[in-house]
Protein backbone atom coordinates (compact mmCIF):
# COMPACT_ATOMS: atom_id res chain seq x y z
CA MET A 1 3.26 26.34 12.00
CA ASP A 2 3.44 24.39 15.25
CA GLU A 3 4.44 20.78 15.65
CA ARG A 4 0.88 19.55 16.14
CA THR A 5 -0.26 21.14 12.90
CA VAL A 6 2.66 19.54 11.01
CA ALA A 7 1.87 16.10 12.42
CA GLU A 8 -1.82 16.52 11.59
CA LEU A 9 -1.17 17.72 8.07
CA ALA A 10 1.18 14.82 7.39
CA ALA A 11 -1.44 12.34 8.62
CA TRP A 12 -4.21 13.95 6.50
CA ALA A 13 -1.95 13.81 3.42
CA VAL A 14 -1.28 10.12 3.96
CA LEU A 15 -4.99 9.50 4.44
CA ALA A 16 -5.93 11.37 1.27
CA VAL A 17 -3.38 9.82 -1.06
CA ASN A 18 -3.82 6.27 0.24
CA ALA A 19 -7.61 6.42 0.35
CA VAL A 20 -7.69 7.56 -3.32
CA ALA A 21 -5.04 5.00 -4.39
CA GLY A 22 -6.62 2.19 -2.39
CA ALA A 23 -10.18 2.89 -3.61
CA PHE A 24 -9.09 3.18 -7.24
CA ALA A 25 -6.98 0.00 -7.09
CA ALA A 26 -9.72 -1.89 -5.27
CA TRP A 27 -12.24 -0.78 -7.90
CA ARG A 28 -9.96 -1.96 -10.70
CA TRP A 29 -9.34 -5.24 -8.86
CA TRP A 30 -13.10 -5.74 -8.46
CA ARG A 31 -13.76 -5.12 -12.13
CA VAL A 32 -10.93 -7.48 -13.12
CA ALA A 33 -9.50 -4.65 -15.13
CA PRO A 34 -5.95 -3.88 -13.88
CA SER A 35 -4.83 -0.36 -14.69
CA ASP A 36 -1.38 1.12 -15.22
CA ALA A 37 -2.71 4.24 -13.44
CA ALA A 38 -3.14 2.36 -10.13
CA TRP A 39 0.57 1.68 -9.64
CA PRO A 40 1.78 5.28 -9.58
CA LEU A 41 -1.02 6.14 -7.15
CA LEU A 42 -0.08 3.23 -4.90
CA ARG A 43 3.60 4.21 -5.02
CA ALA A 44 2.67 7.83 -4.18
CA GLY A 45 0.76 6.55 -1.20
CA GLN A 46 3.84 4.64 -0.06
CA GLY A 47 5.98 7.72 -0.56
CA VAL A 48 3.70 9.94 1.45
CA ALA A 49 3.59 7.32 4.21
CA PHE A 50 7.37 7.28 4.28
CA GLY A 51 7.33 11.05 4.41
CA GLN A 52 4.99 10.98 7.40
CA ALA A 53 7.34 8.55 9.17
CA ALA A 54 10.19 10.96 8.49
CA VAL A 55 8.13 13.87 9.87
CA ALA A 56 7.32 11.76 12.95
CA GLY A 57 11.02 11.05 13.42
CA VAL A 58 11.88 14.75 13.30
CA LEU A 59 9.01 15.57 15.64
CA PHE A 60 10.18 12.91 18.08
CA ALA A 61 13.78 14.14 17.97
CA SER A 62 12.54 17.68 18.63
CA GLY A 63 10.68 16.54 21.75
CA TYR A 64 7.15 16.78 20.44
CA ASP A 65 4.62 15.21 22.83
CA PRO A 66 1.37 14.14 21.04
CA GLY A 67 -1.90 13.92 22.87
CA ASP A 68 -1.65 10.12 22.77
CA ASP A 69 1.51 8.02 22.43
CA LEU A 70 -0.35 5.76 19.95
CA TYR A 71 0.33 8.55 17.48
CA TRP A 72 3.88 7.20 17.05
CA LEU A 73 2.52 3.77 16.18
CA TYR A 74 0.00 5.20 13.72
CA ALA A 75 2.65 7.35 12.10
CA LEU A 76 5.29 4.61 11.71
CA LEU A 77 3.20 1.47 11.10
CA PRO A 78 2.24 2.45 7.49
CA VAL A 79 5.85 1.96 6.47
CA ALA A 80 5.84 -1.58 7.88
CA ILE A 81 2.47 -2.27 6.20
CA GLY A 82 4.03 -1.16 2.89
CA LEU A 83 6.98 -3.52 3.35
CA ILE A 84 4.74 -6.45 4.26
CA ALA A 85 2.47 -5.71 1.26
CA GLU A 86 5.46 -5.71 -1.06
CA GLN A 87 6.48 -9.14 0.20
CA LEU A 88 2.94 -10.46 -0.29
CA ARG A 89 2.83 -8.91 -3.77
CA ILE A 90 6.03 -10.77 -4.65
CA ALA A 91 4.59 -14.00 -3.35
CA SER A 92 1.47 -13.56 -5.50
CA ALA A 93 3.18 -14.80 -8.64
CA GLU A 94 4.46 -17.89 -6.93
CA GLN A 95 1.00 -18.68 -5.54
CA VAL A 96 -0.68 -18.34 -8.89
CA LEU A 97 1.94 -20.53 -10.60
CA GLU A 98 1.66 -23.16 -7.85
CA HIS A 99 -2.12 -23.11 -7.97
CA ARG A 100 -1.87 -23.86 -11.75
CA ASP A 101 0.78 -26.54 -11.25
CA LEU A 102 3.36 -24.56 -13.17
CA PRO A 103 6.92 -25.08 -11.91
CA ASP A 104 8.25 -21.57 -12.83
CA ALA A 105 7.64 -18.49 -14.93
CA GLN A 106 9.30 -20.08 -17.98
CA ALA A 107 6.58 -22.76 -17.98
CA VAL A 108 4.04 -20.04 -18.66
CA GLY A 109 5.74 -19.37 -22.00
CA ALA A 110 4.94 -22.89 -23.12
CA LEU A 111 1.22 -22.35 -22.61
CA PRO A 112 -1.14 -21.25 -25.38
CA ASP A 113 -1.56 -17.46 -25.68
CA ALA A 114 -4.95 -17.40 -24.03
CA GLU A 115 -3.67 -19.32 -20.98
CA GLN A 116 -0.63 -17.10 -20.78
CA ARG A 117 -2.83 -14.01 -20.60
CA SER A 118 -5.01 -15.69 -18.01
CA VAL A 119 -2.00 -16.46 -15.78
CA VAL A 120 -0.61 -12.94 -16.15
CA LEU A 121 -4.03 -11.40 -15.39
CA SER A 122 -4.35 -13.59 -12.29
CA ILE A 123 -0.95 -12.50 -11.05
CA VAL A 124 -1.48 -8.81 -11.71
CA ARG A 125 -4.95 -8.89 -10.22
CA ARG A 126 -3.71 -10.57 -7.05
CA GLU A 127 -0.88 -8.07 -6.77
CA LEU A 128 -3.31 -5.20 -7.23
CA GLY A 129 -5.63 -6.61 -4.57
CA VAL A 130 -2.83 -6.91 -2.04
CA MET A 131 -1.64 -3.36 -2.67
CA ALA A 132 -5.18 -1.91 -2.62
CA LEU A 133 -5.86 -3.52 0.72
CA ALA A 134 -2.57 -2.26 2.11
CA ALA A 135 -3.33 1.32 0.96
CA LEU A 136 -6.71 1.21 2.60
CA VAL A 137 -5.23 -0.07 5.88
CA VAL A 138 -2.63 2.72 5.72
CA ALA A 139 -5.42 5.25 5.14
CA PHE A 140 -7.21 4.00 8.22
CA LEU A 141 -4.05 4.24 10.29
CA ALA A 142 -3.47 7.80 9.02
CA LEU A 143 -7.04 8.70 10.02
CA ARG A 144 -6.30 7.44 13.52
CA ALA A 145 -3.04 9.44 13.60
CA ALA A 146 -4.82 12.59 12.44
CA LEU A 147 -7.52 12.28 15.10
CA ILE A 148 -5.29 11.67 18.07
CA VAL A 149 -2.35 13.92 17.25
């Protein structure tokens, strides 16, 4: 298998996994029905994106010259997108608590059960939305990488 084929297969794999993960997570976000199944899919997407970055690093070290130098950006940017998405996901809880005038997570415990569930659902839904959007952006970048490799 030549270097171009390896680069192309890695990009298509990232596209496939992240498109499925992003679409499923976005659908669950839209339905306001978070799912435990979305998180392993999203993590698999991040893992495959990291794998593509590793493949790109090996290809670069071996002297591979893609058809367009933008390939390197499209191959490596998904890792950065994943890191930024994780930071935004972490900030989601703080934003929800701030929006509801709650000083910290312990204050949620003092709320009635229905309000506690509402706060938790809001946090989880926001986190899911952030990660779904990130996976869809990564899928788009992988498509671009696959098409210009």
